[in-house]
C-alpha atoms as a PDB file:
ATOM      1  CA  MET A   1     139.124 145.823  79.784  1.00  0.00           C
ATOM      2  CA  PRO A   2     140.870 142.950  77.955  1.00  0.00           C
ATOM      3  CA  LYS A   3     138.898 139.926  76.775  1.00  0.00           C
ATOM      4  CA  ARG A   4     139.228 136.914  79.052  1.00  0.00           C
ATOM      5  CA  ASN A   5     138.512 133.206  78.770  1.00  0.00           C
ATOM      6  CA  ALA A   6     137.980 130.648  81.490  1.00  0.00           C
ATOM      7  CA  ILE A   7     140.518 127.864  81.921  1.00  0.00           C
ATOM      8  CA  VAL A   8     140.162 124.720  84.031  1.00  0.00           C
ATOM      9  CA  THR A   9     142.875 122.939  85.988  1.00  0.00           C
ATOM     10  CA  VAL A  10     141.681 119.566  84.717  1.00  0.00           C
ATOM     11  CA  GLN A  11     143.799 117.504  87.117  1.00  0.00           C
ATOM     12  CA  GLU A  12     141.897 118.999  90.065  1.00  0.00           C
ATOM     13  CA  CYS A  13     138.409 119.314  88.534  1.00  0.00           C
ATOM     14  CA  VAL A  14     135.799 117.089  90.207  1.00  0.00           C
ATOM     15  CA  ALA A  15     133.345 117.272  87.265  1.00  0.00           C
ATOM     16  CA  CYS A  16     130.460 118.377  89.491  1.00  0.00           C
ATOM     17  CA  GLY A  17     128.815 120.411  86.711  1.00  0.00           C
ATOM     18  CA  CYS A  18     128.205 123.566  88.747  1.00  0.00           C
ATOM     19  CA  CYS A  19     129.978 125.633  86.098  1.00  0.00           C
ATOM     20  CA  VAL A  20     127.910 124.107  83.310  1.00  0.00           C
ATOM     21  CA  LYS A  21     124.696 125.210  85.032  1.00  0.00           C
ATOM     22  CA  VAL A  22     125.713 128.873  85.387  1.00  0.00           C
ATOM     23  CA  CYS A  23     127.367 129.473  82.007  1.00  0.00           C
ATOM     24  CA  PRO A  24     125.117 131.891  80.059  1.00  0.00           C
ATOM     25  CA  LYS A  25     126.660 130.892  76.708  1.00  0.00           C
ATOM     26  CA  ASN A  26     126.675 127.083  77.127  1.00  0.00           C
ATOM     27  CA  ALA A  27     130.444 127.186  76.654  1.00  0.00           C
ATOM     28  CA  ILE A  28     131.179 124.478  79.229  1.00  0.00           C
ATOM     29  CA  SER A  29     130.648 120.735  79.107  1.00  0.00           C
ATOM     30  CA  ILE A  30     131.819 117.815  81.221  1.00  0.00           C
ATOM     31  CA  TYR A  31     134.275 115.718  79.228  1.00  0.00           C
ATOM     32  CA  LYS A  32     133.673 111.979  79.656  1.00  0.00           C
ATOM     33  CA  GLY A  33     132.560 112.530  83.250  1.00  0.00           C
ATOM     34  CA  THR A  34     136.058 113.533  84.314  1.00  0.00           C
ATOM     35  CA  TYR A  35     136.512 117.318  84.003  1.00  0.00           C
ATOM     36  CA  ALA A  36     134.948 120.532  82.742  1.00  0.00           C
ATOM     37  CA  GLU A  37     135.961 121.608  79.254  1.00  0.00           C
ATOM     38  CA  ILE A  38     135.639 125.214  78.074  1.00  0.00           C
ATOM     39  CA  ASN A  39     134.798 126.093  74.473  1.00  0.00           C
ATOM     40  CA  LYS A  40     136.935 129.223  74.175  1.00  0.00           C
ATOM     41  CA  SER A  41     135.138 130.446  71.074  1.00  0.00           C
ATOM     42  CA  LEU A  42     131.875 130.614  73.059  1.00  0.00           C
ATOM     43  CA  CYS A  43     133.296 131.864  76.391  1.00  0.00           C
ATOM     44  CA  VAL A  44     132.657 135.562  77.012  1.00  0.00           C
ATOM     45  CA  GLY A  45     134.759 135.809  80.180  1.00  0.00           C
ATOM     46  CA  CYS A  46     131.876 136.624  82.517  1.00  0.00           C
ATOM     47  CA  ARG A  47     133.552 134.766  85.433  1.00  0.00           C
ATOM     48  CA  LYS A  48     130.307 133.150  86.602  1.00  0.00           C
ATOM     49  CA  CYS A  49     131.838 129.678  86.331  1.00  0.00           C
ATOM     50  CA  ALA A  50     134.925 130.650  88.339  1.00  0.00           C
ATOM     51  CA  LYS A  51     132.766 132.128  91.098  1.00  0.00           C
ATOM     52  CA  GLU A  52     130.514 129.047  91.224  1.00  0.00           C
ATOM     53  CA  CYS A  53     133.250 126.365  91.164  1.00  0.00           C
ATOM     54  CA  PRO A  54     133.360 124.663  94.603  1.00  0.00           C
ATOM     55  CA  ALA A  55     136.831 123.264  93.885  1.00  0.00           C
ATOM     56  CA  SER A  56     138.216 126.676  92.783  1.00  0.00           C
ATOM     57  CA  VAL A  57     139.840 125.164  89.693  1.00  0.00           C
ATOM     58  CA  ILE A  58     138.550 127.679  87.129  1.00  0.00           C
ATOM     59  CA  THR A  59     140.588 130.792  86.508  1.00  0.00           C
ATOM     60  CA  MET A  60     140.524 133.499  83.882  1.00  0.00           C
ATOM     61  CA  GLU A  61     143.223 134.182  81.306  1.00  0.00           C
ATOM     62  CA  VAL A  62     143.653 137.256  79.150  1.00  0.00           C
ATOM     63  CA  VAL A  63     143.119 136.472  75.481  1.00  0.00           C
ATOM     64  CA  LYS A  64     146.057 137.563  73.358  1.00  0.00           C
ATOM     65  CA  GLU A  65     144.866 139.095  70.118  1.00  0.00           C
END
Protein backbone atom coordinates (compact mmCIF):
# COMPACT_ATOMS: atom_id res chain seq x y z
CA MET A 1 0.00 0.00 0.00
CA PRO A 2 1.43 3.42 -0.94
CA LYS A 3 2.17 6.01 1.74
CA ARG A 4 -0.50 8.69 2.04
CA ASN A 5 -0.73 12.12 3.63
CA ALA A 6 -3.78 14.10 4.64
CA ILE A 7 -4.57 17.33 2.82
CA VAL A 8 -7.10 19.99 3.82
CA THR A 9 -9.26 22.10 1.53
CA VAL A 10 -8.47 25.22 3.54
CA GLN A 11 -11.11 27.40 1.88
CA GLU A 12 -13.84 25.11 3.25
CA CYS A 13 -12.31 24.17 6.62
CA VAL A 14 -14.30 25.47 9.61
CA ALA A 15 -11.38 25.09 12.07
CA CYS A 16 -13.46 23.04 14.52
CA GLY A 17 -10.44 21.05 15.75
CA CYS A 18 -12.03 17.60 15.51
CA CYS A 19 -9.10 16.39 13.41
CA VAL A 20 -6.57 17.72 15.89
CA LYS A 21 -8.15 15.66 18.68
CA VAL A 22 -7.99 12.34 16.81
CA CYS A 23 -4.55 12.60 15.20
CA PRO A 24 -2.30 9.99 16.89
CA LYS A 25 0.89 11.76 15.77
CA ASN A 26 -0.05 15.38 16.64
CA ALA A 27 0.47 16.25 12.97
CA ILE A 28 -2.45 18.69 12.80
CA SER A 29 -2.85 22.18 14.21
CA ILE A 30 -5.33 24.99 13.67
CA TYR A 31 -3.62 27.86 11.87
CA LYS A 32 -4.57 31.25 13.32
CA GLY A 33 -8.06 29.98 14.13
CA THR A 34 -8.95 29.72 10.45
CA TYR A 35 -8.12 26.23 9.12
CA ALA A 36 -6.44 22.93 9.93
CA GLU A 37 -2.83 22.60 8.84
CA ILE A 38 -1.17 19.21 8.34
CA ASN A 39 2.52 18.63 9.10
CA LYS A 40 3.26 16.17 6.29
CA SER A 41 6.48 14.97 7.87
CA LEU A 42 4.51 13.77 10.92
CA CYS A 43 1.39 12.47 9.11
CA VAL A 44 1.28 8.68 8.83
CA GLY A 45 -1.80 8.53 6.60
CA CYS A 46 -4.03 6.74 9.10
CA ARG A 47 -7.16 8.55 7.80
CA LYS A 48 -8.57 9.17 11.28
CA CYS A 49 -8.76 12.91 10.63
CA ALA A 50 -10.59 12.46 7.32
CA LYS A 51 -13.14 10.16 8.95
CA GLU A 52 -13.71 12.56 11.87
CA CYS A 53 -13.99 15.81 9.85
CA PRO A 54 -17.63 17.02 10.00
CA ALA A 55 -17.08 19.29 7.00
CA SER A 56 -15.51 16.49 4.89
CA VAL A 57 -12.65 18.74 3.80
CA ILE A 58 -9.77 16.35 4.56
CA THR A 59 -8.71 13.92 1.87
CA MET A 60 -5.74 11.65 1.40
CA GLU A 61 -3.07 11.98 -1.28
CA VAL A 62 -0.51 9.41 -2.34
CA VAL A 63 3.01 10.52 -1.48
CA LYS A 64 5.29 10.46 -4.51
CA GLU A 65 8.70 9.12 -3.58
